[in-house]
Amino acid sequence: YCMNVVTQAEGHASAVLLRAVEPIKNVK
């Protein structure tokens, strides 16, 4: 699975893909 965050006004169809996170809590 891949997660994107939808951005800009409705109908624009843009998004930001989250590629990596640094573990902070309960990410093993």
mmCIF file of all heavy atoms, coordinates in Angstrom:
data_MODEL
# 
_entry.id   MODEL 
# 
loop_
_atom_site.group_PDB 
_atom_site.id 
_atom_site.type_symbol 
_atom_site.label_atom_id 
_atom_site.label_alt_id 
_atom_site.label_comp_id 
_atom_site.label_asym_id 
_atom_site.label_entity_id 
_atom_site.label_seq_id 
_atom_site.pdbx_PDB_ins_code 
_atom_site.Cartn_x 
_atom_site.Cartn_y 
_atom_site.Cartn_z 
_atom_site.occupancy 
_atom_site.B_iso_or_equiv 
_atom_site.pdbx_formal_charge 
_atom_site.auth_seq_id 
_atom_site.auth_comp_id 
_atom_site.auth_asym_id 
_atom_site.auth_atom_id 
_atom_site.pdbx_PDB_model_num 
ATOM 1   N N   . TYR A 1 1  ? 0.843   -1.185 0.000   1.00 0.00 ? 1  TYR A N   1 
ATOM 2   C CA  . TYR A 1 1  ? 0.000   0.000  0.000   1.00 0.00 ? 1  TYR A CA  1 
ATOM 3   C C   . TYR A 1 1  ? 0.877   1.233  0.000   1.00 0.00 ? 1  TYR A C   1 
ATOM 4   O O   . TYR A 1 1  ? 1.983   1.226  0.549   1.00 0.00 ? 1  TYR A O   1 
ATOM 5   C CB  . TYR A 1 1  ? -0.922  0.015  1.229   1.00 0.00 ? 1  TYR A CB  1 
ATOM 6   C CG  . TYR A 1 1  ? -1.994  -1.036 1.134   1.00 0.00 ? 1  TYR A CG  1 
ATOM 7   C CD1 . TYR A 1 1  ? -1.883  -2.240 1.815   1.00 0.00 ? 1  TYR A CD1 1 
ATOM 8   C CD2 . TYR A 1 1  ? -3.106  -0.832 0.326   1.00 0.00 ? 1  TYR A CD2 1 
ATOM 9   C CE1 . TYR A 1 1  ? -2.849  -3.220 1.702   1.00 0.00 ? 1  TYR A CE1 1 
ATOM 10  C CE2 . TYR A 1 1  ? -4.079  -1.802 0.202   1.00 0.00 ? 1  TYR A CE2 1 
ATOM 11  C CZ  . TYR A 1 1  ? -3.938  -2.990 0.895   1.00 0.00 ? 1  TYR A CZ  1 
ATOM 12  O OH  . TYR A 1 1  ? -4.899  -3.958 0.760   1.00 0.00 ? 1  TYR A OH  1 
ATOM 13  N N   . CYS A 1 2  ? 0.388   2.291  -0.626  1.00 0.00 ? 2  CYS A N   1 
ATOM 14  C CA  . CYS A 1 2  ? 1.056   3.594  -0.628  1.00 0.00 ? 2  CYS A CA  1 
ATOM 15  C C   . CYS A 1 2  ? 0.047   4.622  -0.152  1.00 0.00 ? 2  CYS A C   1 
ATOM 16  O O   . CYS A 1 2  ? -1.139  4.546  -0.497  1.00 0.00 ? 2  CYS A O   1 
ATOM 17  C CB  . CYS A 1 2  ? 1.535   3.961  -2.035  1.00 0.00 ? 2  CYS A CB  1 
ATOM 18  S SG  . CYS A 1 2  ? 2.829   2.892  -2.663  1.00 0.00 ? 2  CYS A SG  1 
ATOM 19  N N   . MET A 1 3  ? 0.528   5.616  0.602   1.00 0.00 ? 3  MET A N   1 
ATOM 20  C CA  . MET A 1 3  ? -0.350  6.661  1.131   1.00 0.00 ? 3  MET A CA  1 
ATOM 21  C C   . MET A 1 3  ? 0.017   8.018  0.560   1.00 0.00 ? 3  MET A C   1 
ATOM 22  O O   . MET A 1 3  ? 1.174   8.420  0.566   1.00 0.00 ? 3  MET A O   1 
ATOM 23  C CB  . MET A 1 3  ? -0.252  6.742  2.651   1.00 0.00 ? 3  MET A CB  1 
ATOM 24  C CG  . MET A 1 3  ? -1.115  7.835  3.214   1.00 0.00 ? 3  MET A CG  1 
ATOM 25  S SD  . MET A 1 3  ? -0.840  8.093  4.965   1.00 0.00 ? 3  MET A SD  1 
ATOM 26  C CE  . MET A 1 3  ? -1.791  9.603  5.192   1.00 0.00 ? 3  MET A CE  1 
ATOM 27  N N   . ASN A 1 4  ? -1.001  8.696  0.065   1.00 0.00 ? 4  ASN A N   1 
ATOM 28  C CA  . ASN A 1 4  ? -0.883  10.067 -0.403  1.00 0.00 ? 4  ASN A CA  1 
ATOM 29  C C   . ASN A 1 4  ? -1.806  10.947 0.425   1.00 0.00 ? 4  ASN A C   1 
ATOM 30  O O   . ASN A 1 4  ? -2.830  10.482 0.925   1.00 0.00 ? 4  ASN A O   1 
ATOM 31  C CB  . ASN A 1 4  ? -1.329  10.189 -1.863  1.00 0.00 ? 4  ASN A CB  1 
ATOM 32  C CG  . ASN A 1 4  ? -0.366  9.544  -2.823  1.00 0.00 ? 4  ASN A CG  1 
ATOM 33  O OD1 . ASN A 1 4  ? 0.391   10.225 -3.485  1.00 0.00 ? 4  ASN A OD1 1 
ATOM 34  N ND2 . ASN A 1 4  ? -0.389  8.219  -2.908  1.00 0.00 ? 4  ASN A ND2 1 
ATOM 35  N N   . VAL A 1 5  ? -1.473  12.223 0.498   1.00 0.00 ? 5  VAL A N   1 
ATOM 36  C CA  . VAL A 1 5  ? -2.296  13.222 1.156   1.00 0.00 ? 5  VAL A CA  1 
ATOM 37  C C   . VAL A 1 5  ? -2.860  14.117 0.051   1.00 0.00 ? 5  VAL A C   1 
ATOM 38  O O   . VAL A 1 5  ? -2.096  14.705 -0.719  1.00 0.00 ? 5  VAL A O   1 
ATOM 39  C CB  . VAL A 1 5  ? -1.442  14.060 2.137   1.00 0.00 ? 5  VAL A CB  1 
ATOM 40  C CG1 . VAL A 1 5  ? -2.256  15.185 2.721   1.00 0.00 ? 5  VAL A CG1 1 
ATOM 41  C CG2 . VAL A 1 5  ? -0.865  13.172 3.224   1.00 0.00 ? 5  VAL A CG2 1 
ATOM 42  N N   . VAL A 1 6  ? -4.188  14.194 -0.058  1.00 0.00 ? 6  VAL A N   1 
ATOM 43  C CA  . VAL A 1 6  ? -4.827  15.013 -1.091  1.00 0.00 ? 6  VAL A CA  1 
ATOM 44  C C   . VAL A 1 6  ? -4.656  16.485 -0.741  1.00 0.00 ? 6  VAL A C   1 
ATOM 45  O O   . VAL A 1 6  ? -4.848  16.898 0.404   1.00 0.00 ? 6  VAL A O   1 
ATOM 46  C CB  . VAL A 1 6  ? -6.317  14.646 -1.238  1.00 0.00 ? 6  VAL A CB  1 
ATOM 47  C CG1 . VAL A 1 6  ? -7.003  15.544 -2.266  1.00 0.00 ? 6  VAL A CG1 1 
ATOM 48  C CG2 . VAL A 1 6  ? -6.471  13.179 -1.623  1.00 0.00 ? 6  VAL A CG2 1 
ATOM 49  N N   . THR A 1 7  ? -4.263  17.275 -1.757  1.00 0.00 ? 7  THR A N   1 
ATOM 50  C CA  . THR A 1 7  ? -4.007  18.705 -1.562  1.00 0.00 ? 7  THR A CA  1 
ATOM 51  C C   . THR A 1 7  ? -4.819  19.549 -2.532  1.00 0.00 ? 7  THR A C   1 
ATOM 52  O O   . THR A 1 7  ? -5.392  19.035 -3.481  1.00 0.00 ? 7  THR A O   1 
ATOM 53  C CB  . THR A 1 7  ? -2.510  19.014 -1.782  1.00 0.00 ? 7  THR A CB  1 
ATOM 54  O OG1 . THR A 1 7  ? -2.170  18.664 -3.114  1.00 0.00 ? 7  THR A OG1 1 
ATOM 55  C CG2 . THR A 1 7  ? -1.629  18.254 -0.802  1.00 0.00 ? 7  THR A CG2 1 
ATOM 56  N N   . GLN A 1 8  ? -4.813  20.818 -2.287  1.00 0.00 ? 8  GLN A N   1 
ATOM 57  C CA  . GLN A 1 8  ? -5.460  21.846 -3.099  1.00 0.00 ? 8  GLN A CA  1 
ATOM 58  C C   . GLN A 1 8  ? -6.972  21.677 -3.158  1.00 0.00 ? 8  GLN A C   1 
ATOM 59  O O   . GLN A 1 8  ? -7.531  20.804 -2.511  1.00 0.00 ? 8  GLN A O   1 
ATOM 60  C CB  . GLN A 1 8  ? -4.819  21.921 -4.483  1.00 0.00 ? 8  GLN A CB  1 
ATOM 61  C CG  . GLN A 1 8  ? -3.369  22.346 -4.383  1.00 0.00 ? 8  GLN A CG  1 
ATOM 62  C CD  . GLN A 1 8  ? -2.763  22.777 -5.701  1.00 0.00 ? 8  GLN A CD  1 
ATOM 63  O OE1 . GLN A 1 8  ? -1.629  22.462 -5.962  1.00 0.00 ? 8  GLN A OE1 1 
ATOM 64  N NE2 . GLN A 1 8  ? -3.482  23.507 -6.517  1.00 0.00 ? 8  GLN A NE2 1 
ATOM 65  N N   . ALA A 1 9  ? -7.622  22.528 -3.913  1.00 0.00 ? 9  ALA A N   1 
ATOM 66  C CA  . ALA A 1 9  ? -9.079  22.574 -3.945  1.00 0.00 ? 9  ALA A CA  1 
ATOM 67  C C   . ALA A 1 9  ? -9.678  21.306 -4.543  1.00 0.00 ? 9  ALA A C   1 
ATOM 68  O O   . ALA A 1 9  ? -9.055  20.630 -5.364  1.00 0.00 ? 9  ALA A O   1 
ATOM 69  C CB  . ALA A 1 9  ? -9.538  23.783 -4.758  1.00 0.00 ? 9  ALA A CB  1 
ATOM 70  N N   . GLU A 1 10 ? -10.890 20.995 -4.131  1.00 0.00 ? 10 GLU A N   1 
ATOM 71  C CA  . GLU A 1 10 ? -11.610 19.857 -4.681  1.00 0.00 ? 10 GLU A CA  1 
ATOM 72  C C   . GLU A 1 10 ? -11.654 19.974 -6.203  1.00 0.00 ? 10 GLU A C   1 
ATOM 73  O O   . GLU A 1 10 ? -11.872 21.050 -6.753  1.00 0.00 ? 10 GLU A O   1 
ATOM 74  C CB  . GLU A 1 10 ? -13.034 19.824 -4.107  1.00 0.00 ? 10 GLU A CB  1 
ATOM 75  C CG  . GLU A 1 10 ? -13.782 18.583 -4.448  1.00 0.00 ? 10 GLU A CG  1 
ATOM 76  C CD  . GLU A 1 10 ? -15.039 18.402 -3.611  1.00 0.00 ? 10 GLU A CD  1 
ATOM 77  O OE1 . GLU A 1 10 ? -15.225 19.126 -2.611  1.00 0.00 ? 10 GLU A OE1 1 
ATOM 78  O OE2 . GLU A 1 10 ? -15.820 17.513 -3.967  1.00 0.00 ? 10 GLU A OE2 1 
ATOM 79  N N   . GLY A 1 11 ? -11.391 18.861 -6.890  1.00 0.00 ? 11 GLY A N   1 
ATOM 80  C CA  . GLY A 1 11 ? -11.380 18.842 -8.351  1.00 0.00 ? 11 GLY A CA  1 
ATOM 81  C C   . GLY A 1 11 ? -10.001 19.009 -8.953  1.00 0.00 ? 11 GLY A C   1 
ATOM 82  O O   . GLY A 1 11 ? -9.790  18.730 -10.124 1.00 0.00 ? 11 GLY A O   1 
ATOM 83  N N   . HIS A 1 12 ? -9.040  19.468 -8.165  1.00 0.00 ? 12 HIS A N   1 
ATOM 84  C CA  . HIS A 1 12 ? -7.689  19.713 -8.681  1.00 0.00 ? 12 HIS A CA  1 
ATOM 85  C C   . HIS A 1 12 ? -6.896  18.422 -8.858  1.00 0.00 ? 12 HIS A C   1 
ATOM 86  O O   . HIS A 1 12 ? -6.047  18.327 -9.735  1.00 0.00 ? 12 HIS A O   1 
ATOM 87  C CB  . HIS A 1 12 ? -6.935  20.678 -7.757  1.00 0.00 ? 12 HIS A CB  1 
ATOM 88  C CG  . HIS A 1 12 ? -5.740  21.276 -8.394  1.00 0.00 ? 12 HIS A CG  1 
ATOM 89  N ND1 . HIS A 1 12 ? -4.497  20.667 -8.370  1.00 0.00 ? 12 HIS A ND1 1 
ATOM 90  C CD2 . HIS A 1 12 ? -5.583  22.409 -9.103  1.00 0.00 ? 12 HIS A CD2 1 
ATOM 91  C CE1 . HIS A 1 12 ? -3.639  21.419 -9.030  1.00 0.00 ? 12 HIS A CE1 1 
ATOM 92  N NE2 . HIS A 1 12 ? -4.269  22.469 -9.483  1.00 0.00 ? 12 HIS A NE2 1 
ATOM 93  N N   . ALA A 1 13 ? -7.141  17.425 -8.022  1.00 0.00 ? 13 ALA A N   1 
ATOM 94  C CA  . ALA A 1 13 ? -6.542  16.084 -8.114  1.00 0.00 ? 13 ALA A CA  1 
ATOM 95  C C   . ALA A 1 13 ? -5.033  16.055 -7.934  1.00 0.00 ? 13 ALA A C   1 
ATOM 96  O O   . ALA A 1 13 ? -4.319  15.370 -8.647  1.00 0.00 ? 13 ALA A O   1 
ATOM 97  C CB  . ALA A 1 13 ? -6.936  15.408 -9.423  1.00 0.00 ? 13 ALA A CB  1 
ATOM 98  N N   . SER A 1 14 ? -4.541  16.782 -6.956  1.00 0.00 ? 14 SER A N   1 
ATOM 99  C CA  . SER A 1 14 ? -3.121  16.756 -6.601  1.00 0.00 ? 14 SER A CA  1 
ATOM 100 C C   . SER A 1 14 ? -2.959  16.047 -5.268  1.00 0.00 ? 14 SER A C   1 
ATOM 101 O O   . SER A 1 14 ? -3.886  15.999 -4.460  1.00 0.00 ? 14 SER A O   1 
ATOM 102 C CB  . SER A 1 14 ? -2.573  18.182 -6.475  1.00 0.00 ? 14 SER A CB  1 
ATOM 103 O OG  . SER A 1 14 ? -2.571  18.808 -7.725  1.00 0.00 ? 14 SER A OG  1 
ATOM 104 N N   . ALA A 1 15 ? -1.749  15.521 -5.039  1.00 0.00 ? 15 ALA A N   1 
ATOM 105 C CA  . ALA A 1 15 ? -1.506  14.803 -3.788  1.00 0.00 ? 15 ALA A CA  1 
ATOM 106 C C   . ALA A 1 15 ? -0.013  14.746 -3.501  1.00 0.00 ? 15 ALA A C   1 
ATOM 107 O O   . ALA A 1 15 ? 0.814   14.979 -4.378  1.00 0.00 ? 15 ALA A O   1 
ATOM 108 C CB  . ALA A 1 15 ? -2.082  13.391 -3.870  1.00 0.00 ? 15 ALA A CB  1 
ATOM 109 N N   . VAL A 1 16 ? 0.304   14.401 -2.257  1.00 0.00 ? 16 VAL A N   1 
ATOM 110 C CA  . VAL A 1 16 ? 1.682   14.220 -1.818  1.00 0.00 ? 16 VAL A CA  1 
ATOM 111 C C   . VAL A 1 16 ? 1.835   12.782 -1.331  1.00 0.00 ? 16 VAL A C   1 
ATOM 112 O O   . VAL A 1 16 ? 1.121   12.357 -0.420  1.00 0.00 ? 16 VAL A O   1 
ATOM 113 C CB  . VAL A 1 16 ? 2.049   15.199 -0.684  1.00 0.00 ? 16 VAL A CB  1 
ATOM 114 C CG1 . VAL A 1 16 ? 3.463   14.932 -0.175  1.00 0.00 ? 16 VAL A CG1 1 
ATOM 115 C CG2 . VAL A 1 16 ? 1.905   16.646 -1.141  1.00 0.00 ? 16 VAL A CG2 1 
ATOM 116 N N   . LEU A 1 17 ? 2.749   12.048 -1.963  1.00 0.00 ? 17 LEU A N   1 
ATOM 117 C CA  . LEU A 1 17 ? 3.066   10.681 -1.546  1.00 0.00 ? 17 LEU A CA  1 
ATOM 118 C C   . LEU A 1 17 ? 4.004   10.735 -0.347  1.00 0.00 ? 17 LEU A C   1 
ATOM 119 O O   . LEU A 1 17 ? 5.027   11.428 -0.387  1.00 0.00 ? 17 LEU A O   1 
ATOM 120 C CB  . LEU A 1 17 ? 3.747   9.932  -2.696  1.00 0.00 ? 17 LEU A CB  1 
ATOM 121 C CG  . LEU A 1 17 ? 4.320   8.549  -2.372  1.00 0.00 ? 17 LEU A CG  1 
ATOM 122 C CD1 . LEU A 1 17 ? 3.201   7.554  -2.072  1.00 0.00 ? 17 LEU A CD1 1 
ATOM 123 C CD2 . LEU A 1 17 ? 5.192   8.055  -3.515  1.00 0.00 ? 17 LEU A CD2 1 
ATOM 124 N N   . LEU A 1 18 ? 3.664   10.003 0.704   1.00 0.00 ? 18 LEU A N   1 
ATOM 125 C CA  . LEU A 1 18 ? 4.553   9.883  1.853   1.00 0.00 ? 18 LEU A CA  1 
ATOM 126 C C   . LEU A 1 18 ? 5.499   8.724  1.565   1.00 0.00 ? 18 LEU A C   1 
ATOM 127 O O   . LEU A 1 18 ? 5.064   7.589  1.411   1.00 0.00 ? 18 LEU A O   1 
ATOM 128 C CB  . LEU A 1 18 ? 3.761   9.642  3.136   1.00 0.00 ? 18 LEU A CB  1 
ATOM 129 C CG  . LEU A 1 18 ? 2.703   10.690 3.485   1.00 0.00 ? 18 LEU A CG  1 
ATOM 130 C CD1 . LEU A 1 18 ? 2.072   10.373 4.831   1.00 0.00 ? 18 LEU A CD1 1 
ATOM 131 C CD2 . LEU A 1 18 ? 3.276   12.091 3.468   1.00 0.00 ? 18 LEU A CD2 1 
ATOM 132 N N   . ARG A 1 19 ? 6.813   9.009  1.483   1.00 0.00 ? 19 ARG A N   1 
ATOM 133 C CA  . ARG A 1 19 ? 7.804   7.991  1.103   1.00 0.00 ? 19 ARG A CA  1 
ATOM 134 C C   . ARG A 1 19 ? 8.511   7.354  2.293   1.00 0.00 ? 19 ARG A C   1 
ATOM 135 O O   . ARG A 1 19 ? 8.918   6.207  2.214   1.00 0.00 ? 19 ARG A O   1 
ATOM 136 C CB  . ARG A 1 19 ? 8.863   8.604  0.175   1.00 0.00 ? 19 ARG A CB  1 
ATOM 137 C CG  . ARG A 1 19 ? 8.367   8.836  -1.240  1.00 0.00 ? 19 ARG A CG  1 
ATOM 138 C CD  . ARG A 1 19 ? 9.529   8.945  -2.209  1.00 0.00 ? 19 ARG A CD  1 
ATOM 139 N NE  . ARG A 1 19 ? 10.420  7.812  -2.144  1.00 0.00 ? 19 ARG A NE  1 
ATOM 140 C CZ  . ARG A 1 19 ? 10.228  6.650  -2.780  1.00 0.00 ? 19 ARG A CZ  1 
ATOM 141 N NH1 . ARG A 1 19 ? 9.176   6.483  -3.540  1.00 0.00 ? 19 ARG A NH1 1 
ATOM 142 N NH2 . ARG A 1 19 ? 11.099  5.676  -2.650  1.00 0.00 ? 19 ARG A NH2 1 
ATOM 143 N N   . ALA A 1 20 ? 8.712   8.095  3.379   1.00 0.00 ? 20 ALA A N   1 
ATOM 144 C CA  . ALA A 1 20 ? 9.448   7.532  4.511   1.00 0.00 ? 20 ALA A CA  1 
ATOM 145 C C   . ALA A 1 20 ? 9.149   8.309  5.786   1.00 0.00 ? 20 ALA A C   1 
ATOM 146 O O   . ALA A 1 20 ? 8.912   9.521  5.744   1.00 0.00 ? 20 ALA A O   1 
ATOM 147 C CB  . ALA A 1 20 ? 10.960  7.552  4.239   1.00 0.00 ? 20 ALA A CB  1 
ATOM 148 N N   . VAL A 1 21 ? 9.172   7.573  6.905   1.00 0.00 ? 21 VAL A N   1 
ATOM 149 C CA  . VAL A 1 21 ? 9.047   8.202  8.223   1.00 0.00 ? 21 VAL A CA  1 
ATOM 150 C C   . VAL A 1 21 ? 10.153  7.695  9.132   1.00 0.00 ? 21 VAL A C   1 
ATOM 151 O O   . VAL A 1 21 ? 10.659  6.587  8.968   1.00 0.00 ? 21 VAL A O   1 
ATOM 152 C CB  . VAL A 1 21 ? 7.667   7.954  8.891   1.00 0.00 ? 21 VAL A CB  1 
ATOM 153 C CG1 . VAL A 1 21 ? 6.537   8.555  8.079   1.00 0.00 ? 21 VAL A CG1 1 
ATOM 154 C CG2 . VAL A 1 21 ? 7.428   6.487  9.188   1.00 0.00 ? 21 VAL A CG2 1 
ATOM 155 N N   . GLU A 1 22 ? 10.492  8.532  10.075  1.00 0.00 ? 22 GLU A N   1 
ATOM 156 C CA  . GLU A 1 22 ? 11.417  8.177  11.147  1.00 0.00 ? 22 GLU A CA  1 
ATOM 157 C C   . GLU A 1 22 ? 10.571  7.685  12.318  1.00 0.00 ? 22 GLU A C   1 
ATOM 158 O O   . GLU A 1 22 ? 9.654   8.388  12.749  1.00 0.00 ? 22 GLU A O   1 
ATOM 159 C CB  . GLU A 1 22 ? 12.209  9.422  11.541  1.00 0.00 ? 22 GLU A CB  1 
ATOM 160 C CG  . GLU A 1 22 ? 13.146  9.250  12.687  1.00 0.00 ? 22 GLU A CG  1 
ATOM 161 C CD  . GLU A 1 22 ? 13.889  10.541 13.011  1.00 0.00 ? 22 GLU A CD  1 
ATOM 162 O OE1 . GLU A 1 22 ? 14.033  11.414 12.141  1.00 0.00 ? 22 GLU A OE1 1 
ATOM 163 O OE2 . GLU A 1 22 ? 14.329  10.660 14.175  1.00 0.00 ? 22 GLU A OE2 1 
ATOM 164 N N   . PRO A 1 23 ? 10.829  6.494  12.832  1.00 0.00 ? 23 PRO A N   1 
ATOM 165 C CA  . PRO A 1 23 ? 10.020  5.970  13.946  1.00 0.00 ? 23 PRO A CA  1 
ATOM 166 C C   . PRO A 1 23 ? 10.072  6.884  15.178  1.00 0.00 ? 23 PRO A C   1 
ATOM 167 O O   . PRO A 1 23 ? 11.140  7.296  15.600  1.00 0.00 ? 23 PRO A O   1 
ATOM 168 C CB  . PRO A 1 23 ? 10.663  4.618  14.253  1.00 0.00 ? 23 PRO A CB  1 
ATOM 169 C CG  . PRO A 1 23 ? 11.393  4.245  13.012  1.00 0.00 ? 23 PRO A CG  1 
ATOM 170 C CD  . PRO A 1 23 ? 11.858  5.544  12.414  1.00 0.00 ? 23 PRO A CD  1 
ATOM 171 N N   . ILE A 1 24 ? 8.903   7.173  15.731  1.00 0.00 ? 24 ILE A N   1 
ATOM 172 C CA  . ILE A 1 24 ? 8.793   7.968  16.955  1.00 0.00 ? 24 ILE A CA  1 
ATOM 173 C C   . ILE A 1 24 ? 8.192   7.125  18.075  1.00 0.00 ? 24 ILE A C   1 
ATOM 174 O O   . ILE A 1 24 ? 8.709   7.085  19.179  1.00 0.00 ? 24 ILE A O   1 
ATOM 175 C CB  . ILE A 1 24 ? 7.929   9.238  16.730  1.00 0.00 ? 24 ILE A CB  1 
ATOM 176 C CG1 . ILE A 1 24 ? 8.546   10.140 15.662  1.00 0.00 ? 24 ILE A CG1 1 
ATOM 177 C CG2 . ILE A 1 24 ? 7.707   9.994  18.039  1.00 0.00 ? 24 ILE A CG2 1 
ATOM 178 C CD1 . ILE A 1 24 ? 9.885   10.754 16.029  1.00 0.00 ? 24 ILE A CD1 1 
ATOM 179 N N   . LYS A 1 25 ? 7.090   6.418  17.770  1.00 0.00 ? 25 LYS A N   1 
ATOM 180 C CA  . LYS A 1 25 ? 6.405   5.635  18.802  1.00 0.00 ? 25 LYS A CA  1 
ATOM 181 C C   . LYS A 1 25 ? 5.746   4.401  18.175  1.00 0.00 ? 25 LYS A C   1 
ATOM 182 O O   . LYS A 1 25 ? 4.986   4.525  17.203  1.00 0.00 ? 25 LYS A O   1 
ATOM 183 C CB  . LYS A 1 25 ? 5.345   6.500  19.480  1.00 0.00 ? 25 LYS A CB  1 
ATOM 184 C CG  . LYS A 1 25 ? 4.577   5.811  20.586  1.00 0.00 ? 25 LYS A CG  1 
ATOM 185 C CD  . LYS A 1 25 ? 3.570   6.754  21.207  1.00 0.00 ? 25 LYS A CD  1 
ATOM 186 C CE  . LYS A 1 25 ? 2.782   6.064  22.297  1.00 0.00 ? 25 LYS A CE  1 
ATOM 187 N NZ  . LYS A 1 25 ? 1.737   6.943  22.829  1.00 0.00 ? 25 LYS A NZ  1 
ATOM 188 N N   . ASN A 1 26 ? 6.046   3.224  18.724  1.00 0.00 ? 26 ASN A N   1 
ATOM 189 C CA  . ASN A 1 26 ? 5.436   1.951  18.311  1.00 0.00 ? 26 ASN A CA  1 
ATOM 190 C C   . ASN A 1 26 ? 5.597   1.624  16.827  1.00 0.00 ? 26 ASN A C   1 
ATOM 191 O O   . ASN A 1 26 ? 4.752   0.946  16.246  1.00 0.00 ? 26 ASN A O   1 
ATOM 192 C CB  . ASN A 1 26 ? 3.949   1.910  18.684  1.00 0.00 ? 26 ASN A CB  1 
ATOM 193 C CG  . ASN A 1 26 ? 3.731   1.873  20.175  1.00 0.00 ? 26 ASN A CG  1 
ATOM 194 O OD1 . ASN A 1 26 ? 4.489   1.258  20.912  1.00 0.00 ? 26 ASN A OD1 1 
ATOM 195 N ND2 . ASN A 1 26 ? 2.691   2.559  20.630  1.00 0.00 ? 26 ASN A ND2 1 
ATOM 196 N N   . VAL A 1 27 ? 6.662   2.096  16.224  1.00 0.00 ? 27 VAL A N   1 
ATOM 197 C CA  . VAL A 1 27 ? 6.980   1.741  14.835  1.00 0.00 ? 27 VAL A CA  1 
ATOM 198 C C   . VAL A 1 27 ? 8.235   0.875  14.899  1.00 0.00 ? 27 VAL A C   1 
ATOM 199 O O   . VAL A 1 27 ? 9.335   1.388  15.080  1.00 0.00 ? 27 VAL A O   1 
ATOM 200 C CB  . VAL A 1 27 ? 7.199   2.995  13.951  1.00 0.00 ? 27 VAL A CB  1 
ATOM 201 C CG1 . VAL A 1 27 ? 7.574   2.595  12.532  1.00 0.00 ? 27 VAL A CG1 1 
ATOM 202 C CG2 . VAL A 1 27 ? 5.957   3.879  13.953  1.00 0.00 ? 27 VAL A CG2 1 
ATOM 203 N N   . LYS A 1 28 ? 8.041   -0.422 14.780  1.00 0.00 ? 28 LYS A N   1 
ATOM 204 C CA  . LYS A 1 28 ? 9.145   -1.372 14.959  1.00 0.00 ? 28 LYS A CA  1 
ATOM 205 C C   . LYS A 1 28 ? 9.796   -1.761 13.635  1.00 0.00 ? 28 LYS A C   1 
ATOM 206 O O   . LYS A 1 28 ? 10.984  -2.039 13.579  1.00 0.00 ? 28 LYS A O   1 
ATOM 207 C CB  . LYS A 1 28 ? 8.642   -2.641 15.644  1.00 0.00 ? 28 LYS A CB  1 
ATOM 208 C CG  . LYS A 1 28 ? 7.878   -2.395 16.938  1.00 0.00 ? 28 LYS A CG  1 
ATOM 209 C CD  . LYS A 1 28 ? 8.771   -1.971 18.069  1.00 0.00 ? 28 LYS A CD  1 
ATOM 210 C CE  . LYS A 1 28 ? 7.978   -1.889 19.352  1.00 0.00 ? 28 LYS A CE  1 
ATOM 211 N NZ  . LYS A 1 28 ? 8.141   -0.659 20.051  1.00 0.00 ? 28 LYS A NZ  1 
# 
